[in-house]
Each structure stands twice: as structure tokens, then as C-alpha cells.
Amino acid sequence: MEILELLIKKWCGKNSYAVKPLKQAGSNRRYFRITCNKTSVIGVVNDNVAENQAFIYFSRHFRNKGVNVPEIYLVSADERAYLQQDIGNVNLFDLLTDNRNDYEIPQTEIINYYLKSIEHLAYMQIVASDGLDYNYAFPSKVFGKRSMKYDLNYFKYYFIKTNGIEFNEQELQDDVEKLTSELEVAGAKYFMFRDFQARNIMIFNNEPYFIDYQGGRKGPLQYDIASLLFQAKAALPEEIRIKLYRHYLNCVSKHITINTELFTQHYFGFVLIRVLQTLGAYGFRGLIENKPHFIQSIPYALNNLKFLLYQTDVLDKYPVLKDICTQILELKAFQNNSESKLKGLKICITSFSYKKGIPIDLSGNGGGFVFDCRGIYNPGRIEEYRELTGRNQDVIKFLEEKSNIKEFVKRTFEILKPTILNYKERQFSNLMINFGCTGGQHRSVYCADNLAKMLSSVPNITVDLWHREQNIRETFTY
């Protein structure tokens, strides 16, 4: 903070000022709103000097070319902090999600902002990038075949393997090689924003302004429009995506000549790359770092994957990648977990194996109750029950006769009921309850099933019962 304070004092002079920390997003950059003499600026602190240099250089270049980006006022001598123009708090994504109508189609005003943003994007990519020194680009000067492979490896290690998807390593690499070779033909001639999505489009003085382009580099035109139109949680309806994509083609055609058919073929390839890269990011930030925002976004990204799999032919040439995507969409872990329109409290009851970790909370609430069933005698130690589960009558009979499991479930219900009633009264939407045992097969399954039955006495709730290790999911409304 010392380096930022020096800049603030230089900007404010001897006048008093106020500093307010702003919410941190996915990066390590720290943002502050500094107010002095009824005006404000945004202070940024980031120890990654190369990233700062990229943002500062790109900002100054594009602003000189007439692009709506924040002005850079002051930069510290060590380039670890800088002051930039304050362009407010309103971004296009927030406007979109706050203004949907009953048909989930954004209002006309929101669409107009998208159309304007696309016009600015095409100008920024093609015209305003003229003379840009890509030596400042961070972490790479060009988004080519190698960068695409990085993105697909991110998806492989942080989403495919994290979720236990079966695949042949060499055959997957063959698909990756084929896909990236075909997309490399699209070229890397123009500025690629890299993370062009509605959260990075601020609405200031009724105009779209761009932020977070520090990862920009020379790349294919299609990537940025794919990022915008297939932003996971924006969930743009297909008819809107088509309208916006056609508008982008018209905007690009004003600046350069393109083969629309070939351009569109490559476009869907880059949509695939972007969707898979996004899933990799959500896997890392959500499933590994356990950040709620990213966990909540996974089902939305899977909707985009479903569109690519069932409504386009983009995956048909890559059989292993197609099979992996099919397996992902069959994962029960991410089904029925997008924002529900059901009224009342939704209770997710899960049985799990401690060997595989406590289940993540897709509602974004950070988890709930976890009950350890390992103190109950384990039927899995007996040969005749080893392959059965807590749903088989022989196992149920054994547990009820040889252990105190019925009393255990009864006591958990007594513990849970006050919280459930309190959540209902306060109109909370989600509660998570987990039962764990060694294998997630016998004791935890029995407990989860029987708690679900006990909850039938509580009106106006939805119970989402998930036996994770058996990949069984059921829903009950009481």
C-alpha cells in the first residue's frame, strides 16, 4: 500500500482523501476507489510488473486510437501500482442479469449495449491495433497453436481429470493436434482481447468501456466474439447470439474482406476452445480452490457444451474429445444445479466417500452440515455385503439390527430441523447436508435415504438426493 499512497498523495496534493477497497475478482490484482475533492480514481496494486506494463501500454495505445478504455493517470516508479480513470461500477453482465424479462431474453437496451460493444470490438481488433507493439503482450505475444494447447491442457488437468472422466491419453492428444492445426489456419493477425466478456464491459456515460485486456495479444478475430456470445453465466438465448454474431460479421466486413463461411467454421472451433478453457478455469478456481462464484458457473458452462455437442457438428471430427464431452454432460454432480425457479427451500442431501473428499456446494453458499457415519459398524467388511449398497434390503436389515444407525439418523434430523425451519422462515433457497463414510456405499447411503424420507414431514421443500459414488440423483418435492 505504501507505493499506492505515494501516488495518491501526488494526485491529491495536500487535500484529504478516502480509500475504499473494491471486491477482488479471480486475479491477484487489488483495486481501490480513491475519492478526493468530489472526484475519484481507481488505484491498482499488482506485483506482476509485466502484467501491469501490458495493461498500461495497451490502455494508452487504444485510448490514443479513440477506443473507450480508462485513462492511466499515474504509474509508480517500480510499476507495481498505478492510478486509472474511474468508470463506475456498472458492467454489462450486471445489467443483463438484472434486466431479464420473463422469457429470459435481455431487454432492448441491453441488446443495444451488446451491439455497440461489438462495433467497438471490431474497430479495436482491426483498426485501432495498427502500430501496436506486441512486445508488451503478457504472457504471450501470439495466440497460436501452442496457446490453444495450453487452454486444452488446462481443461484436461483441471476438469477432465478432476472429475474422473475416462479417456485414452494418446487418442485425446491426436484430437487436440487435429483441432489446433485446423484452427491455426484462421491466422493470428489482429488484436485479441483474450477475455472479452460482459463483466469486462463497463457502461459509463451510456457508452461501453473496456477493462481487463492485459492478457491481450495478436490472435484470430473469432476468439473474442466467441468469448462474448458464449459467456457461461450470461446464458444468451440462441436467437440473440445469432443476431449479435451477424452484427459482428457486418462490423468486421466494414474493415476487411472475409470469407463468411470459412470464418464461421473457425468461429465454432474457437467457441469450443473457449468453452473448454472456461471449464478448466472453473475446475481450478472452483473445484480445487473452492471459490463459490466459479462453482456456481459450472452448470452454465455445461449448457454451452451441450449446445456444441447436440446442436452443432463441431465435435464430430474429434471422436475422443466428443466422448469426453458426452461423459461430462452425464455427470450427476452438475445436473439440476443451475439457478432454480422453484419456490421454497431446496435441500441437497449427499452420500459420499471420505476417500474422495467432501462434496462441493454448487449453490455457492460454502457448504452446510457434514455427518460422519464411520462410527457405525461397516457392512462393507462382510463379504456378502461388499458389492451391495445401503439401498439393498439385506444391508438395511444388517444395519438396523447390528448398529444404532436408526437412532443416528433420528438425532441428525433433530439437529437439522431447527435450521431447516429457520431457513424457510428467512426465505433462504439452499441447504446442503452430507453423510460420509469410508466408501460412500453402505452407511452414508442408508442415512441419506432415510433423512430424505423424514423430511417429507416438512412442507414446501424440495429435496435433491445425491448418492455421489453411485452416480444416482433423485428429486422429491414435499
Protein backbone atom coordinates (compact mmCIF):
# COMPACT_ATOMS: atom_id res chain seq x y z
CA MET A 1 0.00 0.00 0.00
CA GLU A 2 2.93 2.38 0.51
CA ILE A 3 3.59 2.71 -3.21
CA LEU A 4 -0.10 3.39 -3.84
CA GLU A 5 -0.20 6.03 -1.09
CA LEU A 6 2.65 7.90 -2.75
CA LEU A 7 0.65 8.06 -5.97
CA ILE A 8 -2.49 9.12 -4.13
CA LYS A 9 -0.68 11.96 -2.38
CA LYS A 10 0.78 13.08 -5.68
CA TRP A 11 -2.70 13.09 -7.22
CA CYS A 12 -4.47 14.76 -4.27
CA GLY A 13 -1.73 17.13 -3.20
CA LYS A 14 -2.37 18.34 0.33
CA ASN A 15 -6.09 17.59 0.18
CA SER A 16 -7.65 14.85 2.28
CA TYR A 17 -8.77 11.65 0.57
CA ALA A 18 -10.68 8.42 1.26
CA VAL A 19 -9.65 4.95 0.14
CA LYS A 20 -12.17 2.13 -0.30
CA PRO A 21 -11.04 -1.41 -1.22
CA LEU A 22 -13.01 -2.93 -4.09
CA LYS A 23 -14.04 -6.55 -4.41
CA GLN A 24 -11.25 -8.75 -5.72
CA ALA A 25 -12.08 -10.99 -8.68
CA GLY A 26 -10.17 -14.02 -9.93
CA SER A 27 -6.76 -12.34 -10.16
CA ASN A 28 -4.22 -11.20 -7.54
CA ARG A 29 -4.66 -7.55 -8.52
CA ARG A 30 -6.03 -5.32 -5.75
CA TYR A 31 -8.32 -2.41 -6.59
CA PHE A 32 -9.19 0.68 -4.54
CA ARG A 33 -11.51 3.62 -5.17
CA ILE A 34 -9.83 6.83 -4.04
CA THR A 35 -12.03 9.89 -3.54
CA CYS A 36 -10.61 13.42 -3.29
CA ASN A 37 -12.31 16.79 -3.86
CA LYS A 38 -15.52 15.04 -5.01
CA THR A 39 -13.67 13.23 -7.78
CA SER A 40 -12.43 9.66 -7.78
CA VAL A 41 -9.85 7.41 -9.39
CA ILE A 42 -9.14 3.70 -9.21
CA GLY A 43 -5.87 2.63 -7.64
CA VAL A 44 -4.38 -0.71 -8.67
CA VAL A 45 -1.68 -2.69 -6.87
CA ASN A 46 -0.17 -5.71 -8.60
CA ASP A 47 3.25 -7.27 -8.02
CA ASN A 48 3.26 -8.70 -11.54
CA VAL A 49 5.10 -5.88 -13.29
CA ALA A 50 4.93 -7.44 -16.76
CA GLU A 51 1.14 -7.67 -16.50
CA ASN A 52 0.96 -4.03 -15.38
CA GLN A 53 3.18 -2.93 -18.25
CA ALA A 54 0.89 -4.69 -20.73
CA PHE A 55 -2.26 -3.06 -19.34
CA ILE A 56 -0.73 0.41 -19.13
CA TYR A 57 0.73 0.26 -22.64
CA PHE A 58 -2.45 -1.15 -24.21
CA SER A 59 -4.57 1.46 -22.38
CA ARG A 60 -2.51 4.35 -23.65
CA HIS A 61 -2.30 2.99 -27.19
CA PHE A 62 -6.01 2.26 -27.58
CA ARG A 63 -7.10 5.48 -25.89
CA ASN A 64 -5.00 7.43 -28.40
CA LYS A 65 -6.83 5.50 -31.15
CA GLY A 66 -10.24 6.52 -29.80
CA VAL A 67 -11.17 3.25 -28.06
CA ASN A 68 -13.21 3.50 -24.86
CA VAL A 69 -10.66 2.37 -22.28
CA PRO A 70 -9.77 4.01 -18.94
CA GLU A 71 -7.12 6.72 -18.93
CA ILE A 72 -3.92 5.99 -17.00
CA TYR A 73 -3.05 8.95 -14.75
CA LEU A 74 -0.01 7.99 -12.71
CA VAL A 75 2.33 4.99 -12.50
CA SER A 76 4.73 4.22 -9.66
CA ALA A 77 8.47 4.14 -10.37
CA ASP A 78 8.61 0.37 -9.85
CA GLU A 79 5.42 -0.10 -11.95
CA ARG A 80 3.73 -2.12 -9.21
CA ALA A 81 0.92 0.42 -8.76
CA TYR A 82 -0.97 2.90 -10.90
CA LEU A 83 -3.99 5.21 -10.90
CA GLN A 84 -6.57 4.93 -13.66
CA GLN A 85 -9.81 6.62 -14.60
CA ASP A 86 -12.85 5.63 -12.55
CA ILE A 87 -15.51 4.44 -14.99
CA GLY A 88 -18.00 3.42 -12.34
CA ASN A 89 -19.43 0.16 -11.05
CA VAL A 90 -21.94 -0.82 -13.73
CA ASN A 91 -20.93 -3.59 -16.11
CA LEU A 92 -22.89 -5.16 -18.94
CA PHE A 93 -23.19 -8.51 -17.21
CA ASP A 94 -24.91 -6.98 -14.18
CA LEU A 95 -27.29 -5.05 -16.44
CA LEU A 96 -28.06 -8.25 -18.32
CA THR A 97 -28.83 -10.35 -15.25
CA ASP A 98 -30.77 -7.57 -13.52
CA ASN A 99 -32.99 -6.81 -16.50
CA ARG A 100 -34.13 -10.13 -17.92
CA ASN A 101 -37.84 -10.43 -18.59
CA ASP A 102 -40.00 -13.49 -18.00
CA TYR A 103 -38.80 -15.11 -21.23
CA GLU A 104 -35.13 -14.79 -20.24
CA ILE A 105 -34.42 -12.54 -23.21
CA PRO A 106 -32.47 -9.35 -22.42
CA GLN A 107 -34.29 -6.08 -22.86
CA THR A 108 -33.75 -3.92 -25.96
CA GLU A 109 -31.47 -1.51 -24.10
CA ILE A 110 -29.16 -4.36 -23.09
CA ILE A 111 -29.06 -5.70 -26.64
CA ASN A 112 -28.13 -2.24 -27.87
CA TYR A 113 -25.17 -2.19 -25.47
CA TYR A 114 -24.09 -5.56 -26.85
CA LEU A 115 -24.38 -4.24 -30.41
CA LYS A 116 -22.33 -1.14 -29.53
CA SER A 117 -19.71 -3.23 -27.76
CA ILE A 118 -19.35 -5.44 -30.82
CA GLU A 119 -18.86 -2.41 -33.05
CA HIS A 120 -16.12 -1.13 -30.73
CA LEU A 121 -14.56 -4.61 -30.58
CA ALA A 122 -14.21 -4.91 -34.37
CA TYR A 123 -12.67 -1.42 -34.53
CA MET A 124 -10.31 -2.19 -31.65
CA GLN A 125 -9.20 -5.51 -33.13
CA ILE A 126 -8.64 -4.39 -36.72
CA VAL A 127 -8.18 -0.62 -36.96
CA ALA A 128 -7.00 0.54 -33.54
CA SER A 129 -4.45 -2.26 -33.26
CA ASP A 130 -2.45 -0.78 -36.12
CA GLY A 131 1.01 0.10 -34.81
CA LEU A 132 0.57 -1.87 -31.57
CA ASP A 133 3.85 -3.16 -30.13
CA TYR A 134 3.14 -6.77 -29.18
CA ASN A 135 6.42 -6.98 -27.28
CA TYR A 136 4.39 -5.65 -24.35
CA ALA A 137 1.89 -8.53 -24.58
CA PHE A 138 1.66 -10.73 -21.48
CA PRO A 139 2.18 -13.64 -21.05
CA SER A 140 2.43 -14.35 -24.80
CA LYS A 141 2.74 -12.23 -27.94
CA VAL A 142 0.59 -14.51 -30.11
CA PHE A 143 -2.42 -16.76 -29.56
CA GLY A 144 -1.43 -19.61 -31.82
CA LYS A 145 -1.34 -23.38 -31.75
CA ARG A 146 0.75 -23.52 -28.58
CA SER A 147 -1.68 -21.25 -26.68
CA MET A 148 -4.64 -23.35 -27.81
CA LYS A 149 -2.90 -26.45 -26.47
CA TYR A 150 -2.30 -24.68 -23.16
CA ASP A 151 -6.03 -23.98 -22.91
CA LEU A 152 -6.94 -27.57 -23.73
CA ASN A 153 -4.39 -28.89 -21.20
CA TYR A 154 -5.98 -26.61 -18.61
CA PHE A 155 -9.29 -28.30 -19.40
CA LYS A 156 -7.71 -31.77 -19.27
CA TYR A 157 -5.94 -31.42 -15.94
CA TYR A 158 -8.38 -29.23 -14.02
CA PHE A 159 -11.73 -30.50 -15.26
CA ILE A 160 -11.50 -33.86 -17.03
CA LYS A 161 -9.13 -35.49 -14.55
CA THR A 162 -10.61 -33.71 -11.53
CA ASN A 163 -13.98 -35.29 -12.33
CA GLY A 164 -12.63 -38.78 -13.03
CA ILE A 165 -13.53 -38.88 -16.73
CA GLU A 166 -12.20 -41.96 -18.57
CA PHE A 167 -10.19 -41.34 -21.76
CA ASN A 168 -7.20 -42.54 -23.78
CA GLU A 169 -4.38 -40.04 -23.30
CA GLN A 170 -2.73 -40.54 -26.71
CA GLU A 171 -6.01 -40.52 -28.65
CA LEU A 172 -7.02 -37.30 -26.91
CA GLN A 173 -3.71 -35.73 -27.90
CA ASP A 174 -4.39 -36.77 -31.50
CA ASP A 175 -7.71 -34.91 -31.40
CA VAL A 176 -6.06 -31.87 -29.82
CA GLU A 177 -3.39 -31.84 -32.52
CA LYS A 178 -6.01 -32.04 -35.26
CA LEU A 179 -8.25 -29.34 -33.75
CA THR A 180 -5.44 -26.86 -33.10
CA SER A 181 -3.91 -27.43 -36.55
CA GLU A 182 -7.24 -26.67 -38.24
CA LEU A 183 -7.79 -23.52 -36.17
CA GLU A 184 -4.24 -22.30 -36.71
CA VAL A 185 -5.28 -21.69 -40.33
CA ALA A 186 -7.56 -18.86 -39.09
CA GLY A 187 -4.39 -16.85 -38.53
CA ALA A 188 -3.23 -14.51 -35.79
CA LYS A 189 -3.15 -11.10 -37.45
CA TYR A 190 -5.21 -8.83 -35.22
CA PHE A 191 -5.53 -7.79 -31.57
CA MET A 192 -7.19 -10.45 -29.44
CA PHE A 193 -8.68 -9.12 -26.19
CA ARG A 194 -8.47 -12.67 -24.70
CA ASP A 195 -11.19 -12.22 -22.04
CA PHE A 196 -13.85 -10.26 -23.91
CA GLN A 197 -16.97 -10.89 -21.85
CA ALA A 198 -19.78 -8.82 -20.37
CA ARG A 199 -18.15 -8.46 -16.94
CA ASN A 200 -15.28 -6.61 -18.63
CA ILE A 201 -17.56 -4.17 -20.43
CA MET A 202 -18.37 -1.21 -18.20
CA ILE A 203 -21.28 1.10 -19.01
CA PHE A 204 -20.09 4.67 -18.44
CA ASN A 205 -21.91 7.78 -19.71
CA ASN A 206 -24.22 5.40 -21.64
CA GLU A 207 -21.27 4.00 -23.61
CA PRO A 208 -19.43 0.67 -23.33
CA TYR A 209 -15.90 0.90 -21.93
CA PHE A 210 -13.44 -1.99 -21.86
CA ILE A 211 -11.30 -3.24 -18.97
CA ASP A 212 -9.11 -6.29 -18.23
CA TYR A 213 -7.41 -6.58 -21.60
CA GLN A 214 -3.93 -7.02 -20.07
CA GLY A 215 -3.87 -10.57 -21.46
CA GLY A 216 -4.34 -9.26 -24.99
CA ARG A 217 -2.10 -10.42 -27.83
CA LYS A 218 -2.07 -10.96 -31.57
CA GLY A 219 -4.64 -13.61 -32.46
CA PRO A 220 -7.66 -14.73 -34.52
CA LEU A 221 -10.68 -12.44 -34.70
CA GLN A 222 -13.16 -15.19 -33.86
CA TYR A 223 -11.93 -15.85 -30.32
CA ASP A 224 -13.22 -12.62 -28.75
CA ILE A 225 -16.70 -12.76 -30.22
CA ALA A 226 -16.91 -16.41 -29.15
CA SER A 227 -15.96 -15.36 -25.61
CA LEU A 228 -18.67 -12.71 -25.52
CA LEU A 229 -21.53 -14.69 -27.02
CA PHE A 230 -20.79 -17.89 -25.08
CA GLN A 231 -20.02 -16.34 -21.71
CA ALA A 232 -21.31 -19.10 -19.44
CA LYS A 233 -23.44 -17.31 -16.88
CA ALA A 234 -24.71 -14.68 -19.33
CA ALA A 235 -26.72 -17.54 -20.89
CA LEU A 236 -27.67 -15.60 -24.00
CA PRO A 237 -30.54 -17.24 -25.92
CA GLU A 238 -29.50 -18.72 -29.27
CA GLU A 239 -31.62 -16.29 -31.32
CA ILE A 240 -29.82 -13.39 -29.62
CA ARG A 241 -26.43 -14.97 -30.22
CA ILE A 242 -27.21 -15.35 -33.92
CA LYS A 243 -28.29 -11.71 -34.18
CA LEU A 244 -25.16 -10.47 -32.42
CA TYR A 245 -22.85 -12.73 -34.43
CA ARG A 246 -24.31 -11.46 -37.73
CA HIS A 247 -23.79 -7.92 -36.49
CA TYR A 248 -20.16 -8.74 -35.76
CA LEU A 249 -19.67 -10.13 -39.28
CA ASN A 250 -21.08 -6.89 -40.71
CA CYS A 251 -18.78 -4.80 -38.49
CA VAL A 252 -15.70 -6.80 -39.46
CA SER A 253 -16.66 -6.62 -43.14
CA LYS A 254 -16.56 -2.82 -42.96
CA HIS A 255 -12.84 -3.01 -42.19
CA ILE A 256 -11.57 -6.10 -44.04
CA THR A 257 -12.80 -8.67 -46.57
CA ILE A 258 -13.61 -12.11 -45.12
CA ASN A 259 -14.90 -15.45 -46.37
CA THR A 260 -18.02 -15.66 -44.19
CA GLU A 261 -18.45 -19.43 -44.50
CA LEU A 262 -14.85 -20.25 -43.59
CA PHE A 263 -14.81 -17.56 -40.91
CA THR A 264 -17.88 -19.16 -39.28
CA GLN A 265 -16.37 -22.65 -39.41
CA HIS A 266 -13.38 -21.38 -37.47
CA TYR A 267 -15.69 -19.41 -35.17
CA PHE A 268 -17.35 -22.55 -33.82
CA GLY A 269 -13.94 -24.14 -33.36
CA PHE A 270 -12.90 -21.19 -31.20
CA VAL A 271 -16.22 -21.39 -29.33
CA LEU A 272 -15.23 -24.97 -28.46
CA ILE A 273 -11.73 -23.90 -27.36
CA ARG A 274 -13.19 -21.10 -25.22
CA VAL A 275 -15.87 -23.28 -23.59
CA LEU A 276 -13.33 -25.96 -22.70
CA GLN A 277 -10.84 -23.37 -21.40
CA THR A 278 -13.62 -21.89 -19.27
CA LEU A 279 -14.41 -25.29 -17.78
CA GLY A 280 -10.73 -25.70 -16.98
CA ALA A 281 -10.73 -22.33 -15.21
CA TYR A 282 -13.88 -23.23 -13.28
CA GLY A 283 -12.32 -26.56 -12.34
CA PHE A 284 -9.23 -24.86 -10.96
CA ARG A 285 -10.86 -21.86 -9.30
CA GLY A 286 -13.98 -23.72 -8.20
CA LEU A 287 -13.32 -27.42 -7.63
CA ILE A 288 -9.72 -27.01 -6.44
CA GLU A 289 -9.63 -23.53 -4.87
CA ASN A 290 -13.29 -23.88 -3.80
CA LYS A 291 -14.37 -20.37 -4.85
CA PRO A 292 -18.21 -20.26 -4.90
CA HIS A 293 -18.63 -17.96 -7.92
CA PHE A 294 -16.74 -20.35 -10.18
CA ILE A 295 -18.51 -23.42 -8.78
CA GLN A 296 -21.90 -21.83 -9.46
CA SER A 297 -20.88 -21.10 -13.05
CA ILE A 298 -20.09 -24.72 -14.00
CA PRO A 299 -23.68 -25.75 -14.92
CA TYR A 300 -23.95 -22.70 -17.20
CA ALA A 301 -20.72 -23.62 -18.99
CA LEU A 302 -22.09 -27.14 -19.40
CA ASN A 303 -25.16 -25.69 -21.14
CA ASN A 304 -22.79 -24.21 -23.73
CA LEU A 305 -21.05 -27.57 -24.06
CA LYS A 306 -24.43 -29.24 -24.56
CA PHE A 307 -25.23 -26.77 -27.34
CA LEU A 308 -21.96 -27.54 -29.12
CA LEU A 309 -22.45 -31.28 -28.74
CA TYR A 310 -26.08 -31.55 -29.82
CA GLN A 311 -26.77 -28.50 -32.00
CA THR A 312 -23.54 -28.18 -34.00
CA ASP A 313 -21.21 -30.61 -35.75
CA VAL A 314 -18.02 -29.00 -34.40
CA LEU A 315 -17.11 -32.07 -32.31
CA ASP A 316 -17.84 -34.69 -34.97
CA LYS A 317 -14.26 -34.71 -36.29
CA TYR A 318 -12.79 -35.27 -32.82
CA PRO A 319 -14.25 -38.57 -31.50
CA VAL A 320 -12.31 -38.80 -28.23
CA LEU A 321 -12.99 -35.18 -27.32
CA LYS A 322 -16.64 -35.74 -28.22
CA ASP A 323 -16.84 -38.81 -25.98
CA ILE A 324 -15.25 -36.88 -23.10
CA CYS A 325 -17.79 -34.07 -23.51
CA THR A 326 -20.62 -36.63 -23.55
CA GLN A 327 -19.33 -38.15 -20.30
CA ILE A 328 -19.10 -34.72 -18.69
CA LEU A 329 -22.73 -33.95 -19.52
CA GLU A 330 -23.75 -37.24 -17.89
CA LEU A 331 -22.11 -36.33 -14.56
CA LYS A 332 -24.83 -36.16 -11.93
CA ALA A 333 -22.73 -33.76 -9.87
CA PHE A 334 -23.62 -30.83 -12.11
CA GLN A 335 -27.17 -31.69 -13.07
CA ASN A 336 -30.16 -29.73 -11.77
CA ASN A 337 -27.88 -27.24 -10.07
CA SER A 338 -28.40 -24.09 -12.15
CA GLU A 339 -30.44 -21.35 -10.53
CA SER A 340 -33.77 -22.93 -9.78
CA LYS A 341 -37.11 -21.24 -10.35
CA LEU A 342 -38.70 -23.46 -7.71
CA LYS A 343 -40.05 -21.54 -4.76
CA GLY A 344 -39.13 -22.57 -1.25
CA LEU A 345 -36.10 -24.22 0.28
CA LYS A 346 -34.03 -26.71 -1.71
CA ILE A 347 -32.17 -29.24 0.46
CA CYS A 348 -29.35 -31.20 -1.15
CA ILE A 349 -28.63 -34.45 0.73
CA THR A 350 -25.48 -36.23 -0.37
CA SER A 351 -23.81 -39.52 0.50
CA PHE A 352 -20.07 -39.61 -0.16
CA SER A 353 -16.76 -41.34 0.45
CA TYR A 354 -14.25 -39.52 2.62
CA LYS A 355 -11.54 -41.00 0.40
CA LYS A 356 -12.82 -38.80 -2.44
CA GLY A 357 -13.44 -35.70 -0.36
CA ILE A 358 -16.43 -33.80 0.98
CA PRO A 359 -18.81 -32.73 -1.84
CA ILE A 360 -18.65 -29.17 -3.13
CA ASP A 361 -21.63 -26.86 -2.68
CA LEU A 362 -22.82 -25.76 -6.13
CA SER A 363 -25.26 -23.26 -4.63
CA GLY A 364 -22.33 -21.04 -3.72
CA ASN A 365 -23.20 -20.96 0.00
CA GLY A 366 -19.97 -22.63 1.03
CA GLY A 367 -21.43 -25.93 2.21
CA GLY A 368 -23.59 -26.98 5.15
CA PHE A 369 -23.82 -29.92 7.55
CA VAL A 370 -21.43 -32.89 7.35
CA PHE A 371 -22.20 -36.03 9.37
CA ASP A 372 -19.54 -38.72 9.81
CA CYS A 373 -21.04 -42.22 9.61
CA ARG A 374 -17.76 -44.07 10.14
CA GLY A 375 -18.55 -44.71 13.80
CA ILE A 376 -21.30 -47.12 12.69
CA TYR A 377 -20.38 -50.77 12.05
CA ASN A 378 -19.41 -51.16 8.37
CA PRO A 379 -21.25 -53.85 6.35
CA GLY A 380 -18.57 -53.48 3.70
CA ARG A 381 -16.25 -55.57 5.85
CA ILE A 382 -18.50 -58.59 5.34
CA GLU A 383 -18.03 -60.43 2.03
CA GLU A 384 -21.72 -60.97 1.25
CA TYR A 385 -22.48 -57.23 1.55
CA ARG A 386 -19.32 -55.89 -0.10
CA GLU A 387 -20.82 -55.31 -3.54
CA LEU A 388 -24.20 -54.11 -2.24
CA THR A 389 -25.22 -50.62 -1.10
CA GLY A 390 -27.25 -49.08 1.69
CA ARG A 391 -30.31 -49.41 -0.56
CA ASN A 392 -30.28 -53.23 -0.59
CA GLN A 393 -32.67 -54.87 1.85
CA ASP A 394 -30.02 -57.24 3.23
CA VAL A 395 -27.74 -54.31 4.07
CA ILE A 396 -30.62 -52.30 5.53
CA LYS A 397 -31.58 -55.23 7.76
CA PHE A 398 -27.98 -55.71 8.88
CA LEU A 399 -27.50 -52.03 9.72
CA GLU A 400 -30.75 -51.77 11.65
CA GLU A 401 -30.12 -54.95 13.63
CA LYS A 402 -26.37 -54.69 14.23
CA SER A 403 -25.92 -50.95 14.78
CA ASN A 404 -27.58 -47.83 16.16
CA ILE A 405 -28.00 -46.29 12.71
CA LYS A 406 -31.73 -45.58 13.09
CA GLU A 407 -31.01 -43.57 16.24
CA PHE A 408 -28.15 -41.83 14.43
CA VAL A 409 -30.43 -40.62 11.62
CA LYS A 410 -33.12 -39.62 14.09
CA ARG A 411 -30.63 -37.46 16.02
CA THR A 412 -29.37 -35.81 12.83
CA PHE A 413 -32.94 -34.90 11.95
CA GLU A 414 -33.39 -33.34 15.40
CA ILE A 415 -30.21 -31.30 14.86
CA LEU A 416 -31.24 -30.23 11.38
CA LYS A 417 -34.90 -29.36 11.90
CA PRO A 418 -34.39 -26.00 13.69
CA THR A 419 -32.04 -24.86 10.91
CA ILE A 420 -34.45 -26.00 8.19
CA LEU A 421 -37.36 -24.14 9.77
CA ASN A 422 -35.19 -21.06 10.28
CA TYR A 423 -34.04 -21.14 6.64
CA LYS A 424 -37.65 -21.45 5.47
CA GLU A 425 -38.74 -18.54 7.64
CA ARG A 426 -35.89 -16.37 6.32
CA GLN A 427 -36.67 -17.48 2.73
CA PHE A 428 -33.24 -18.98 2.13
CA SER A 429 -33.03 -21.01 -1.06
CA ASN A 430 -30.43 -23.72 -0.37
CA LEU A 431 -29.17 -26.01 2.38
CA MET A 432 -26.61 -28.77 1.95
CA ILE A 433 -26.45 -31.91 4.14
CA ASN A 434 -23.74 -34.53 3.67
CA PHE A 435 -23.32 -38.05 5.06
CA GLY A 436 -19.86 -39.55 4.67
CA CYS A 437 -18.40 -42.98 5.29
CA THR A 438 -15.34 -44.87 4.13
CA GLY A 439 -16.58 -45.90 0.68
CA GLY A 440 -19.75 -43.83 0.34
CA GLN A 441 -21.62 -47.07 -0.34
CA HIS A 442 -23.41 -48.51 2.69
CA ARG A 443 -23.80 -46.38 5.85
CA SER A 444 -23.88 -42.95 4.22
CA VAL A 445 -26.34 -44.13 1.56
CA TYR A 446 -28.69 -45.52 4.21
CA CYS A 447 -28.53 -42.30 6.24
CA ALA A 448 -29.11 -40.02 3.24
CA ASP A 449 -32.10 -42.10 2.07
CA ASN A 450 -33.73 -42.16 5.47
CA LEU A 451 -33.20 -38.48 6.20
CA ALA A 452 -34.86 -37.72 2.86
CA LYS A 453 -37.88 -39.77 3.98
CA MET A 454 -38.03 -37.97 7.35
CA LEU A 455 -38.02 -34.60 5.59
CA SER A 456 -41.34 -35.49 3.96
CA SER A 457 -42.90 -34.15 7.17
CA VAL A 458 -41.61 -30.64 6.34
CA PRO A 459 -43.90 -28.85 3.83
CA ASN A 460 -42.82 -26.71 0.88
CA ILE A 461 -39.32 -28.03 0.39
CA THR A 462 -37.51 -29.72 -2.49
CA VAL A 463 -35.06 -32.50 -1.62
CA ASP A 464 -32.24 -33.20 -4.06
CA LEU A 465 -30.88 -36.61 -3.05
CA TRP A 466 -27.47 -37.44 -4.49
CA HIS A 467 -25.54 -40.66 -3.92
CA ARG A 468 -22.29 -39.39 -5.35
CA GLU A 469 -20.26 -42.59 -5.54
CA GLN A 470 -23.16 -44.48 -7.21
CA ASN A 471 -23.89 -41.54 -9.55
CA ILE A 472 -27.57 -41.65 -8.52
CA ARG A 473 -29.62 -38.48 -8.27
CA GLU A 474 -33.30 -38.12 -7.35
CA THR A 475 -35.55 -35.16 -6.58
CA PHE A 476 -38.56 -35.05 -4.25
CA THR A 477 -40.99 -32.19 -3.61
CA TYR A 478 -42.81 -32.14 -0.28
